[in-house]
Amino acid sequence: MSASYEKYERYGNDEEANSCVNGQKICLKPNHKTQPKWIAEIGAVDPRRLGKPKNYRYRIEIITKKGTKEWLKQFETKPENEPGRYAIPSDELSTFNDEYVISISIAKRGADR
């Protein structure tokens, strides 16, 4: 039996994580309104390699409708080097949030990560 949903993740700081979970959508930062938002299939990203740990303290889990991956494939920029990672353009983010996102939850990462 296959799942009726898909799961994705991204990593962010306290402010982003709280904005995402409170609004139940992926949000653009005020100073980054034209930047894409990266999400990934579960396990496709090693958060220890993302940069300053304080900027990636939270794992943001995004539950989406089945079929989201097909829509996301158009935003997979480096499938050979970074499979399962998608850069959703800022002008497509509302479509993602409104048509595909079911729920968003957050979890603080451990101190060792």
Foldseek 3Di string as FASTA:
>chain_A
DDDQKFKKKDFFAPVQQVVCQVVVFRDDDPVGLFFFDKIFHPPLDDVVPPDDCNGGQKIKMWIWGPPVVVVQVVQPDCCPPRNGMGGHGSVCRVVCRVPITDGMHMDGDDPVD
